[in-house]
Amino acid sequence: MAETQTVDIRDIAFLDAEGTEHTLSEYAGKELLIVNVASKCGLTPQYEQLEQLQKTYGDRGLQVLGFPCNQFMGQEPGSMDEILEFCSVTYGVSFPIMDKVRVNGSHAAPLYKALKKTPNAEGAKGPVMWNFEKFLVTASGDVHRFRPQTKPDDPEVIAAIEAGLPA
């Protein structure tokens, strides 16, 4: 019987906005808040809270990573240049915005295929429900999942972030 190899989520490649390949392992020792984002969604104001998390916890080891996604009612239709400009001008986003991805279906980005195996607090795993679903990857590789309606500054998210950061 062949052994099944599991790939460390930190070794899965993805592209940044310029098309350069990266992995989460480049952020070794950091906690990563990975979020599928969209510019024309009712949840788009969460960019403000994500930026505040980056400012508040960045020096302690948190890194927010935004992955634009146009899979939910076409709410991220722009080019990468348009997306980057929107994020910068509208919300002053300083955290990295990666290349546009698919998060569900057979063509989902490999990183999201791995992330979706993580259940949320209620034990539900599977497809990303909507824009602004959040995955917190701890420095040790544990993953916590928060559904789109859970705001980035929700006490549950803050507690999970703070639990893995140095004081």
C-alpha atoms as a PDB file:
ATOM      1  CA  MET A   1       0.000   0.000   0.000  1.00  0.00           C
ATOM      2  CA  ALA A   2       1.435   3.355  -1.035  1.00  0.00           C
ATOM      3  CA  GLU A   3       1.950   6.015   1.609  1.00  0.00           C
ATOM      4  CA  THR A   4       0.014   9.212   1.168  1.00  0.00           C
ATOM      5  CA  GLN A   5       2.188  12.266   1.455  1.00  0.00           C
ATOM      6  CA  THR A   6       0.632  15.338   2.949  1.00  0.00           C
ATOM      7  CA  VAL A   7       1.896  18.684   1.759  1.00  0.00           C
ATOM      8  CA  ASP A   8       2.607  21.299   4.393  1.00  0.00           C
ATOM      9  CA  ILE A   9       0.271  24.214   3.699  1.00  0.00           C
ATOM     10  CA  ARG A  10       3.259  26.511   4.037  1.00  0.00           C
ATOM     11  CA  ASP A  11       4.871  24.902   0.958  1.00  0.00           C
ATOM     12  CA  ILE A  12       1.980  25.485  -1.474  1.00  0.00           C
ATOM     13  CA  ALA A  13       2.846  28.027  -4.174  1.00  0.00           C
ATOM     14  CA  PHE A  14       0.727  31.064  -5.062  1.00  0.00           C
ATOM     15  CA  LEU A  15       1.291  34.243  -7.070  1.00  0.00           C
ATOM     16  CA  ASP A  16       1.488  37.851  -5.917  1.00  0.00           C
ATOM     17  CA  ALA A  17      -0.110  40.735  -7.838  1.00  0.00           C
ATOM     18  CA  GLU A  18       2.948  40.972 -10.128  1.00  0.00           C
ATOM     19  CA  GLY A  19       2.860  37.253 -10.947  1.00  0.00           C
ATOM     20  CA  THR A  20       5.831  36.266  -8.776  1.00  0.00           C
ATOM     21  CA  GLU A  21       5.556  32.871  -7.088  1.00  0.00           C
ATOM     22  CA  HIS A  22       5.609  32.690  -3.286  1.00  0.00           C
ATOM     23  CA  THR A  23       4.814  30.248  -0.480  1.00  0.00           C
ATOM     24  CA  LEU A  24       3.634  30.831   3.069  1.00  0.00           C
ATOM     25  CA  SER A  25       6.975  29.486   4.284  1.00  0.00           C
ATOM     26  CA  GLU A  26       8.443  32.883   3.341  1.00  0.00           C
ATOM     27  CA  TYR A  27       6.537  34.196   6.353  1.00  0.00           C
ATOM     28  CA  ALA A  28       8.124  31.723   8.775  1.00  0.00           C
ATOM     29  CA  GLY A  29       7.462  32.593  12.403  1.00  0.00           C
ATOM     30  CA  LYS A  30       4.479  34.785  11.548  1.00  0.00           C
ATOM     31  CA  GLU A  31       0.771  34.284  11.922  1.00  0.00           C
ATOM     32  CA  LEU A  32      -1.004  34.717   8.605  1.00  0.00           C
ATOM     33  CA  LEU A  33      -4.563  35.936   8.163  1.00  0.00           C
ATOM     34  CA  ILE A  34      -5.526  34.826   4.647  1.00  0.00           C
ATOM     35  CA  VAL A  35      -8.691  36.431   3.266  1.00  0.00           C
ATOM     36  CA  ASN A  36     -10.440  36.196  -0.110  1.00  0.00           C
ATOM     37  CA  VAL A  37     -11.327  39.804  -0.844  1.00  0.00           C
ATOM     38  CA  ALA A  38     -13.580  41.694  -3.257  1.00  0.00           C
ATOM     39  CA  SER A  39     -14.037  45.376  -4.076  1.00  0.00           C
ATOM     40  CA  LYS A  40     -17.767  45.407  -4.823  1.00  0.00           C
ATOM     41  CA  CYS A  41     -19.192  43.342  -1.960  1.00  0.00           C
ATOM     42  CA  GLY A  42     -21.350  44.331   0.986  1.00  0.00           C
ATOM     43  CA  LEU A  43     -18.491  43.035   3.167  1.00  0.00           C
ATOM     44  CA  THR A  44     -15.834  45.172   1.426  1.00  0.00           C
ATOM     45  CA  PRO A  45     -15.649  47.567   4.425  1.00  0.00           C
ATOM     46  CA  GLN A  46     -13.883  44.700   6.232  1.00  0.00           C
ATOM     47  CA  TYR A  47     -10.754  45.964   4.426  1.00  0.00           C
ATOM     48  CA  GLU A  48     -10.664  48.731   7.041  1.00  0.00           C
ATOM     49  CA  GLN A  49     -10.639  46.227   9.921  1.00  0.00           C
ATOM     50  CA  LEU A  50      -8.077  44.012   8.162  1.00  0.00           C
ATOM     51  CA  GLU A  51      -5.785  47.024   7.758  1.00  0.00           C
ATOM     52  CA  GLN A  52      -6.258  47.906  11.415  1.00  0.00           C
ATOM     53  CA  LEU A  53      -5.290  44.348  12.420  1.00  0.00           C
ATOM     54  CA  GLN A  54      -2.166  44.657  10.274  1.00  0.00           C
ATOM     55  CA  LYS A  55      -1.245  47.951  11.953  1.00  0.00           C
ATOM     56  CA  THR A  56      -2.044  46.716  15.465  1.00  0.00           C
ATOM     57  CA  TYR A  57      -0.418  43.282  15.317  1.00  0.00           C
ATOM     58  CA  GLY A  58       2.078  43.502  12.442  1.00  0.00           C
ATOM     59  CA  ASP A  59       5.007  44.357  14.712  1.00  0.00           C
ATOM     60  CA  ARG A  60       4.163  41.330  16.872  1.00  0.00           C
ATOM     61  CA  GLY A  61       4.131  38.910  13.936  1.00  0.00           C
ATOM     62  CA  LEU A  62       0.756  39.041  12.159  1.00  0.00           C
ATOM     63  CA  GLN A  63       0.681  39.311   8.384  1.00  0.00           C
ATOM     64  CA  VAL A  64      -2.623  39.815   6.551  1.00  0.00           C
ATOM     65  CA  LEU A  65      -2.695  38.479   2.970  1.00  0.00           C
ATOM     66  CA  GLY A  66      -5.541  39.417   0.615  1.00  0.00           C
ATOM     67  CA  PHE A  67      -6.495  37.152  -2.289  1.00  0.00           C
ATOM     68  CA  PRO A  68      -8.936  38.845  -4.693  1.00  0.00           C
ATOM     69  CA  CYS A  69     -11.664  36.526  -5.927  1.00  0.00           C
ATOM     70  CA  ASN A  70     -14.374  37.126  -8.534  1.00  0.00           C
ATOM     71  CA  GLN A  71     -16.333  33.898  -7.909  1.00  0.00           C
ATOM     72  CA  PHE A  72     -19.167  35.409  -5.890  1.00  0.00           C
ATOM     73  CA  MET A  73     -21.576  37.347  -8.118  1.00  0.00           C
ATOM     74  CA  GLY A  74     -18.667  38.937 -10.014  1.00  0.00           C
ATOM     75  CA  GLN A  75     -17.825  41.232  -7.099  1.00  0.00           C
ATOM     76  CA  GLU A  76     -14.115  41.529  -8.009  1.00  0.00           C
ATOM     77  CA  PRO A  77     -14.246  42.200 -11.762  1.00  0.00           C
ATOM     78  CA  GLY A  78     -11.294  44.577 -12.081  1.00  0.00           C
ATOM     79  CA  SER A  79      -7.775  44.072 -13.346  1.00  0.00           C
ATOM     80  CA  MET A  80      -5.008  43.662 -10.786  1.00  0.00           C
ATOM     81  CA  ASP A  81      -4.012  47.321 -11.302  1.00  0.00           C
ATOM     82  CA  GLU A  82      -7.608  48.416 -10.608  1.00  0.00           C
ATOM     83  CA  ILE A  83      -7.820  46.185  -7.521  1.00  0.00           C
ATOM     84  CA  LEU A  84      -4.522  47.470  -6.107  1.00  0.00           C
ATOM     85  CA  GLU A  85      -5.532  51.083  -6.728  1.00  0.00           C
ATOM     86  CA  PHE A  86      -8.929  50.543  -5.071  1.00  0.00           C
ATOM     87  CA  CYS A  87      -7.337  48.941  -2.002  1.00  0.00           C
ATOM     88  CA  SER A  88      -4.743  51.683  -1.651  1.00  0.00           C
ATOM     89  CA  VAL A  89      -6.930  54.721  -2.367  1.00  0.00           C
ATOM     90  CA  THR A  90     -10.150  53.586  -0.667  1.00  0.00           C
ATOM     91  CA  TYR A  91      -8.821  51.747   2.390  1.00  0.00           C
ATOM     92  CA  GLY A  92      -5.117  52.603   2.607  1.00  0.00           C
ATOM     93  CA  VAL A  93      -4.264  48.910   2.486  1.00  0.00           C
ATOM     94  CA  SER A  94      -0.620  48.254   3.334  1.00  0.00           C
ATOM     95  CA  PHE A  95      -0.782  44.444   3.509  1.00  0.00           C
ATOM     96  CA  PRO A  96      -0.013  42.406   0.367  1.00  0.00           C
ATOM     97  CA  ILE A  97      -2.742  41.813  -2.179  1.00  0.00           C
ATOM     98  CA  MET A  98      -1.987  38.671  -4.156  1.00  0.00           C
ATOM     99  CA  ASP A  99      -3.047  37.604  -7.633  1.00  0.00           C
ATOM    100  CA  LYS A 100      -6.725  36.948  -8.265  1.00  0.00           C
ATOM    101  CA  VAL A 101      -7.698  33.373  -7.384  1.00  0.00           C
ATOM    102  CA  ARG A 102     -10.567  30.936  -7.544  1.00  0.00           C
ATOM    103  CA  VAL A 103     -11.407  29.593  -4.094  1.00  0.00           C
ATOM    104  CA  ASN A 104     -13.996  26.954  -4.999  1.00  0.00           C
ATOM    105  CA  GLY A 105     -14.502  24.349  -7.705  1.00  0.00           C
ATOM    106  CA  SER A 106     -12.129  22.169  -9.655  1.00  0.00           C
ATOM    107  CA  HIS A 107      -9.959  25.155 -10.617  1.00  0.00           C
ATOM    108  CA  ALA A 108      -9.567  26.471  -7.065  1.00  0.00           C
ATOM    109  CA  ALA A 109      -6.102  27.674  -6.150  1.00  0.00           C
ATOM    110  CA  PRO A 110      -4.094  24.880  -4.465  1.00  0.00           C
ATOM    111  CA  LEU A 111      -3.708  27.002  -1.313  1.00  0.00           C
ATOM    112  CA  TYR A 112      -7.486  27.312  -1.020  1.00  0.00           C
ATOM    113  CA  LYS A 113      -7.993  23.612  -1.726  1.00  0.00           C
ATOM    114  CA  ALA A 114      -5.853  22.969   1.365  1.00  0.00           C
ATOM    115  CA  LEU A 115      -7.382  25.721   3.500  1.00  0.00           C
ATOM    116  CA  LYS A 116     -10.950  24.512   2.876  1.00  0.00           C
ATOM    117  CA  LYS A 117     -10.184  21.246   4.676  1.00  0.00           C
ATOM    118  CA  THR A 118     -10.204  23.245   7.921  1.00  0.00           C
ATOM    119  CA  PRO A 119     -13.506  23.321   9.820  1.00  0.00           C
ATOM    120  CA  ASN A 120     -14.827  26.511  11.386  1.00  0.00           C
ATOM    121  CA  ALA A 121     -15.782  26.782  15.077  1.00  0.00           C
ATOM    122  CA  GLU A 122     -19.047  24.894  14.386  1.00  0.00           C
ATOM    123  CA  GLY A 123     -17.160  22.044  12.707  1.00  0.00           C
ATOM    124  CA  ALA A 124     -18.215  22.947   9.157  1.00  0.00           C
ATOM    125  CA  LYS A 125     -15.591  22.673   6.440  1.00  0.00           C
ATOM    126  CA  GLY A 126     -15.798  22.645   2.668  1.00  0.00           C
ATOM    127  CA  PRO A 127     -16.378  25.443   0.179  1.00  0.00           C
ATOM    128  CA  VAL A 128     -15.670  29.069   0.929  1.00  0.00           C
ATOM    129  CA  MET A 129     -19.092  30.585   1.582  1.00  0.00           C
ATOM    130  CA  TRP A 130     -18.536  34.130   0.252  1.00  0.00           C
ATOM    131  CA  ASN A 131     -16.021  36.954   0.021  1.00  0.00           C
ATOM    132  CA  PHE A 132     -14.013  37.749   3.154  1.00  0.00           C
ATOM    133  CA  GLU A 133     -13.784  34.234   4.570  1.00  0.00           C
ATOM    134  CA  LYS A 134     -10.768  34.246   6.883  1.00  0.00           C
ATOM    135  CA  PHE A 135      -8.136  31.598   7.591  1.00  0.00           C
ATOM    136  CA  LEU A 136      -5.633  32.211  10.377  1.00  0.00           C
ATOM    137  CA  VAL A 137      -2.501  30.103   9.868  1.00  0.00           C
ATOM    138  CA  THR A 138      -0.421  30.072  13.049  1.00  0.00           C
ATOM    139  CA  ALA A 139       3.368  30.024  13.100  1.00  0.00           C
ATOM    140  CA  SER A 140       3.190  26.300  13.935  1.00  0.00           C
ATOM    141  CA  GLY A 141       0.916  25.598  10.944  1.00  0.00           C
ATOM    142  CA  ASP A 142      -2.434  25.243  12.722  1.00  0.00           C
ATOM    143  CA  VAL A 143      -5.361  26.751  10.823  1.00  0.00           C
ATOM    144  CA  HIS A 144      -8.430  28.517  12.242  1.00  0.00           C
ATOM    145  CA  ARG A 145     -11.380  29.352   9.990  1.00  0.00           C
ATOM    146  CA  PHE A 146     -13.814  32.241  10.295  1.00  0.00           C
ATOM    147  CA  ARG A 147     -16.828  32.690   8.025  1.00  0.00           C
ATOM    148  CA  PRO A 148     -17.348  35.903   6.020  1.00  0.00           C
ATOM    149  CA  GLN A 149     -19.853  37.457   8.431  1.00  0.00           C
ATOM    150  CA  THR A 150     -17.328  37.198  11.270  1.00  0.00           C
ATOM    151  CA  LYS A 151     -15.661  40.597  11.195  1.00  0.00           C
ATOM    152  CA  PRO A 152     -11.868  40.781  11.391  1.00  0.00           C
ATOM    153  CA  ASP A 153     -12.087  42.574  14.752  1.00  0.00           C
ATOM    154  CA  ASP A 154     -14.538  40.061  16.249  1.00  0.00           C
ATOM    155  CA  PRO A 155     -13.406  38.972  19.747  1.00  0.00           C
ATOM    156  CA  GLU A 156     -13.116  35.356  18.515  1.00  0.00           C
ATOM    157  CA  VAL A 157     -10.685  36.397  15.753  1.00  0.00           C
ATOM    158  CA  ILE A 158      -8.714  38.698  18.071  1.00  0.00           C
ATOM    159  CA  ALA A 159      -8.407  35.937  20.680  1.00  0.00           C
ATOM    160  CA  ALA A 160      -7.110  33.469  18.084  1.00  0.00           C
ATOM    161  CA  ILE A 161      -4.578  36.009  16.776  1.00  0.00           C
ATOM    162  CA  GLU A 162      -3.368  36.999  20.247  1.00  0.00           C
ATOM    163  CA  ALA A 163      -3.060  33.374  21.374  1.00  0.00           C
ATOM    164  CA  GLY A 164      -0.274  32.788  18.881  1.00  0.00           C
ATOM    165  CA  LEU A 165       1.624  36.054  19.114  1.00  0.00           C
ATOM    166  CA  PRO A 166       4.377  36.975  21.542  1.00  0.00           C
ATOM    167  CA  ALA A 167       3.315  39.446  24.238  1.00  0.00           C
END
